[in-house]
Amino acid sequence: MPKASVTRLINKKKNKLIDFVLDIDKYPEFIPFCLGSKVHERKESGNMVLIIADLTIGKGPFTDTYKSDVKYNKAKDTIFVTNIDGPLNYLKNNWKFVEKDNLTEVHFDVDFEIKNKFLNIVMASSFQYGLNKIADAFQKRAEEL
């Protein structure tokens, strides 16, 4: 099961970065391997922002769409994502934002398993590299905003 973590220090305020991560509709503009996105539902409930969204990811002949449940906890400055449907047996990713002066430390952990065992093996071997490319794209875009 591919599992990885990345931490970045970004020259932006925490709230700007959280808004940026929650702007799922914009992901195809800058995230490698993200071919499409669609937010089905977005609502607020107390300290939580709840989003149901699809992401279409792929490279070459491998393209698939998965539906995610995204929960932003305003009190803890965390975003927790799990899969609802699609090519994954499971997906768990966590974002944590810690502001330090004018910089924000962003922690991102992801753990998932693809239903297709062959693709799971292929992904496991190159996943940290792919995650670093995605983190680079997020950081570059965030610093440009």
C-alpha atoms as a PDB file:
ATOM      1  CA  MET A   1       0.000   0.000   0.000  1.00  0.00           C
ATOM      2  CA  PRO A   2       1.573   3.299  -1.015  1.00  0.00           C
ATOM      3  CA  LYS A   3       2.137   5.526   1.992  1.00  0.00           C
ATOM      4  CA  ALA A   4       4.168   8.723   2.151  1.00  0.00           C
ATOM      5  CA  SER A   5       4.578  12.059   3.897  1.00  0.00           C
ATOM      6  CA  VAL A   6       5.891  15.439   2.891  1.00  0.00           C
ATOM      7  CA  THR A   7       6.460  18.654   4.840  1.00  0.00           C
ATOM      8  CA  ARG A   8       6.956  22.064   3.253  1.00  0.00           C
ATOM      9  CA  LEU A   9       7.580  25.535   4.632  1.00  0.00           C
ATOM     10  CA  ILE A  10       5.651  27.995   2.463  1.00  0.00           C
ATOM     11  CA  ASN A  11       5.877  31.769   2.474  1.00  0.00           C
ATOM     12  CA  LYS A  12       2.114  32.335   2.880  1.00  0.00           C
ATOM     13  CA  LYS A  13      -0.350  32.814   5.715  1.00  0.00           C
ATOM     14  CA  LYS A  14      -2.041  29.657   6.983  1.00  0.00           C
ATOM     15  CA  ASN A  15      -5.593  30.741   6.089  1.00  0.00           C
ATOM     16  CA  LYS A  16      -4.591  31.513   2.484  1.00  0.00           C
ATOM     17  CA  LEU A  17      -3.059  28.043   2.136  1.00  0.00           C
ATOM     18  CA  ILE A  18      -6.092  26.315   3.625  1.00  0.00           C
ATOM     19  CA  ASP A  19      -8.392  28.160   1.218  1.00  0.00           C
ATOM     20  CA  PHE A  20      -6.046  27.212  -1.613  1.00  0.00           C
ATOM     21  CA  VAL A  21      -6.128  23.491  -0.716  1.00  0.00           C
ATOM     22  CA  LEU A  22      -9.926  23.563  -0.402  1.00  0.00           C
ATOM     23  CA  ASP A  23     -10.273  25.115  -3.887  1.00  0.00           C
ATOM     24  CA  ILE A  24     -10.522  21.667  -5.468  1.00  0.00           C
ATOM     25  CA  ASP A  25     -11.976  22.982  -8.740  1.00  0.00           C
ATOM     26  CA  LYS A  26      -8.575  24.503  -9.579  1.00  0.00           C
ATOM     27  CA  TYR A  27      -6.498  21.311  -9.114  1.00  0.00           C
ATOM     28  CA  PRO A  28      -6.371  20.349 -12.827  1.00  0.00           C
ATOM     29  CA  GLU A  29      -4.710  23.710 -13.579  1.00  0.00           C
ATOM     30  CA  PHE A  30      -1.511  22.845 -11.737  1.00  0.00           C
ATOM     31  CA  ILE A  31      -1.395  19.361 -10.192  1.00  0.00           C
ATOM     32  CA  PRO A  32       0.480  16.704 -12.166  1.00  0.00           C
ATOM     33  CA  PHE A  33      -1.692  13.709 -13.098  1.00  0.00           C
ATOM     34  CA  CYS A  34      -4.935  15.548 -12.157  1.00  0.00           C
ATOM     35  CA  LEU A  35      -7.063  15.630 -15.298  1.00  0.00           C
ATOM     36  CA  GLY A  36     -10.337  16.882 -13.834  1.00  0.00           C
ATOM     37  CA  SER A  37     -12.245  17.790 -10.686  1.00  0.00           C
ATOM     38  CA  LYS A  38     -15.832  18.357  -9.658  1.00  0.00           C
ATOM     39  CA  VAL A  39     -17.218  19.535  -6.323  1.00  0.00           C
ATOM     40  CA  HIS A  40     -20.612  17.917  -5.728  1.00  0.00           C
ATOM     41  CA  GLU A  41     -21.354  19.409  -2.335  1.00  0.00           C
ATOM     42  CA  ARG A  42     -19.835  21.977   0.026  1.00  0.00           C
ATOM     43  CA  LYS A  43     -21.377  22.918   3.356  1.00  0.00           C
ATOM     44  CA  GLU A  44     -20.383  24.257   6.750  1.00  0.00           C
ATOM     45  CA  SER A  45     -21.401  22.724  10.037  1.00  0.00           C
ATOM     46  CA  GLY A  46     -20.026  24.362  13.170  1.00  0.00           C
ATOM     47  CA  ASN A  47     -16.214  24.232  13.031  1.00  0.00           C
ATOM     48  CA  MET A  48     -16.267  21.967   9.975  1.00  0.00           C
ATOM     49  CA  VAL A  49     -16.298  22.528   6.227  1.00  0.00           C
ATOM     50  CA  LEU A  50     -17.573  19.385   4.486  1.00  0.00           C
ATOM     51  CA  ILE A  51     -16.907  18.753   0.793  1.00  0.00           C
ATOM     52  CA  ILE A  52     -17.774  15.859  -1.508  1.00  0.00           C
ATOM     53  CA  ALA A  53     -15.695  15.976  -4.693  1.00  0.00           C
ATOM     54  CA  ASP A  54     -14.438  13.903  -7.606  1.00  0.00           C
ATOM     55  CA  LEU A  55     -10.873  13.913  -8.894  1.00  0.00           C
ATOM     56  CA  THR A  56      -9.923  12.357 -12.195  1.00  0.00           C
ATOM     57  CA  ILE A  57      -6.312  11.260 -12.148  1.00  0.00           C
ATOM     58  CA  GLY A  58      -4.217   9.496 -14.697  1.00  0.00           C
ATOM     59  CA  LYS A  59      -1.171   9.121 -16.821  1.00  0.00           C
ATOM     60  CA  GLY A  60      -1.025   7.518 -20.212  1.00  0.00           C
ATOM     61  CA  PRO A  61      -3.645   4.801 -20.616  1.00  0.00           C
ATOM     62  CA  PHE A  62      -4.471   4.752 -16.898  1.00  0.00           C
ATOM     63  CA  THR A  63      -7.212   7.239 -16.029  1.00  0.00           C
ATOM     64  CA  ASP A  64      -9.814   6.953 -13.300  1.00  0.00           C
ATOM     65  CA  THR A  65     -12.121   9.062 -11.153  1.00  0.00           C
ATOM     66  CA  TYR A  66     -12.568   8.714  -7.446  1.00  0.00           C
ATOM     67  CA  LYS A  67     -14.988  10.431  -5.090  1.00  0.00           C
ATOM     68  CA  SER A  68     -13.668  11.887  -1.836  1.00  0.00           C
ATOM     69  CA  ASP A  69     -15.066  13.063   1.465  1.00  0.00           C
ATOM     70  CA  VAL A  70     -13.085  16.163   2.535  1.00  0.00           C
ATOM     71  CA  LYS A  71     -13.402  17.477   6.091  1.00  0.00           C
ATOM     72  CA  TYR A  72     -11.738  20.729   7.152  1.00  0.00           C
ATOM     73  CA  ASN A  73     -11.596  21.253  10.906  1.00  0.00           C
ATOM     74  CA  LYS A  74     -11.304  25.020  11.476  1.00  0.00           C
ATOM     75  CA  ALA A  75     -10.395  24.657  15.154  1.00  0.00           C
ATOM     76  CA  LYS A  76      -7.480  22.282  14.481  1.00  0.00           C
ATOM     77  CA  ASP A  77      -6.347  23.647  11.084  1.00  0.00           C
ATOM     78  CA  THR A  78      -6.505  20.151   9.596  1.00  0.00           C
ATOM     79  CA  ILE A  79      -8.016  18.647   6.469  1.00  0.00           C
ATOM     80  CA  PHE A  80      -8.841  14.930   6.427  1.00  0.00           C
ATOM     81  CA  VAL A  81      -9.738  13.166   3.170  1.00  0.00           C
ATOM     82  CA  THR A  82     -11.140   9.673   2.644  1.00  0.00           C
ATOM     83  CA  ASN A  83     -12.439   7.984  -0.495  1.00  0.00           C
ATOM     84  CA  ILE A  84     -16.104   7.226  -1.028  1.00  0.00           C
ATOM     85  CA  ASP A  85     -16.044   5.539  -4.429  1.00  0.00           C
ATOM     86  CA  GLY A  86     -13.761   4.737  -7.331  1.00  0.00           C
ATOM     87  CA  PRO A  87     -10.629   2.677  -8.017  1.00  0.00           C
ATOM     88  CA  LEU A  88      -9.353   2.780  -4.430  1.00  0.00           C
ATOM     89  CA  ASN A  89      -9.926   0.250  -1.663  1.00  0.00           C
ATOM     90  CA  TYR A  90      -9.159   3.099   0.689  1.00  0.00           C
ATOM     91  CA  LEU A  91      -7.635   6.553   0.832  1.00  0.00           C
ATOM     92  CA  LYS A  92      -6.606   8.518   3.885  1.00  0.00           C
ATOM     93  CA  ASN A  93      -4.805  11.790   3.636  1.00  0.00           C
ATOM     94  CA  ASN A  94      -4.197  14.443   6.219  1.00  0.00           C
ATOM     95  CA  TRP A  95      -3.169  18.067   5.887  1.00  0.00           C
ATOM     96  CA  LYS A  96      -1.927  20.021   8.913  1.00  0.00           C
ATOM     97  CA  PHE A  97      -1.072  23.726   8.803  1.00  0.00           C
ATOM     98  CA  VAL A  98       1.145  25.387  11.416  1.00  0.00           C
ATOM     99  CA  GLU A  99       1.834  29.113  11.079  1.00  0.00           C
ATOM    100  CA  LYS A 100       5.259  30.380  12.129  1.00  0.00           C
ATOM    101  CA  ASP A 101       5.621  34.150  11.697  1.00  0.00           C
ATOM    102  CA  ASN A 102       4.797  34.816   8.013  1.00  0.00           C
ATOM    103  CA  LEU A 103       5.529  31.230   7.012  1.00  0.00           C
ATOM    104  CA  THR A 104       3.318  28.160   7.219  1.00  0.00           C
ATOM    105  CA  GLU A 105       4.564  24.640   7.748  1.00  0.00           C
ATOM    106  CA  VAL A 106       2.364  22.272   5.776  1.00  0.00           C
ATOM    107  CA  HIS A 107       2.364  18.570   6.655  1.00  0.00           C
ATOM    108  CA  PHE A 108       0.743  16.163   4.207  1.00  0.00           C
ATOM    109  CA  ASP A 109       0.394  12.408   4.797  1.00  0.00           C
ATOM    110  CA  VAL A 110      -1.250  10.012   2.375  1.00  0.00           C
ATOM    111  CA  ASP A 111      -2.025   6.310   2.581  1.00  0.00           C
ATOM    112  CA  PHE A 112      -4.033   4.478  -0.061  1.00  0.00           C
ATOM    113  CA  GLU A 113      -4.594   1.167  -1.802  1.00  0.00           C
ATOM    114  CA  ILE A 114      -5.722   0.751  -5.405  1.00  0.00           C
ATOM    115  CA  LYS A 115      -8.186  -2.054  -6.095  1.00  0.00           C
ATOM    116  CA  ASN A 116      -6.087  -3.213  -9.069  1.00  0.00           C
ATOM    117  CA  LYS A 117      -3.206  -5.160  -7.438  1.00  0.00           C
ATOM    118  CA  PHE A 118      -0.863  -4.685 -10.414  1.00  0.00           C
ATOM    119  CA  LEU A 119      -1.337  -0.893 -10.393  1.00  0.00           C
ATOM    120  CA  ASN A 120      -0.862  -0.896  -6.633  1.00  0.00           C
ATOM    121  CA  ILE A 121       2.573  -2.518  -7.051  1.00  0.00           C
ATOM    122  CA  VAL A 122       3.532  -0.063  -9.811  1.00  0.00           C
ATOM    123  CA  MET A 123       2.398   2.931  -7.726  1.00  0.00           C
ATOM    124  CA  ALA A 124       4.195   1.761  -4.598  1.00  0.00           C
ATOM    125  CA  SER A 125       7.556   1.835  -6.359  1.00  0.00           C
ATOM    126  CA  SER A 126       7.289   5.427  -7.574  1.00  0.00           C
ATOM    127  CA  PHE A 127       4.829   7.002  -5.177  1.00  0.00           C
ATOM    128  CA  GLN A 128       7.210   9.150  -3.103  1.00  0.00           C
ATOM    129  CA  TYR A 129       8.584  10.635  -6.334  1.00  0.00           C
ATOM    130  CA  GLY A 130       5.063  11.415  -7.559  1.00  0.00           C
ATOM    131  CA  LEU A 131       4.056  12.889  -4.209  1.00  0.00           C
ATOM    132  CA  ASN A 132       7.102  15.171  -4.258  1.00  0.00           C
ATOM    133  CA  LYS A 133       6.128  16.378  -7.756  1.00  0.00           C
ATOM    134  CA  ILE A 134       2.606  17.121  -6.521  1.00  0.00           C
ATOM    135  CA  ALA A 135       3.938  18.888  -3.396  1.00  0.00           C
ATOM    136  CA  ASP A 136       6.284  20.941  -5.595  1.00  0.00           C
ATOM    137  CA  ALA A 137       3.330  21.956  -7.787  1.00  0.00           C
ATOM    138  CA  PHE A 138       1.225  22.947  -4.754  1.00  0.00           C
ATOM    139  CA  GLN A 139       4.077  24.981  -3.276  1.00  0.00           C
ATOM    140  CA  LYS A 140       4.914  26.732  -6.551  1.00  0.00           C
ATOM    141  CA  ARG A 141       1.283  27.649  -7.199  1.00  0.00           C
ATOM    142  CA  ALA A 142       0.696  28.773  -3.599  1.00  0.00           C
ATOM    143  CA  GLU A 143       3.720  31.061  -3.665  1.00  0.00           C
ATOM    144  CA  GLU A 144       2.554  32.582  -6.970  1.00  0.00           C
ATOM    145  CA  LEU A 145      -0.857  33.548  -5.566  1.00  0.00           C
END
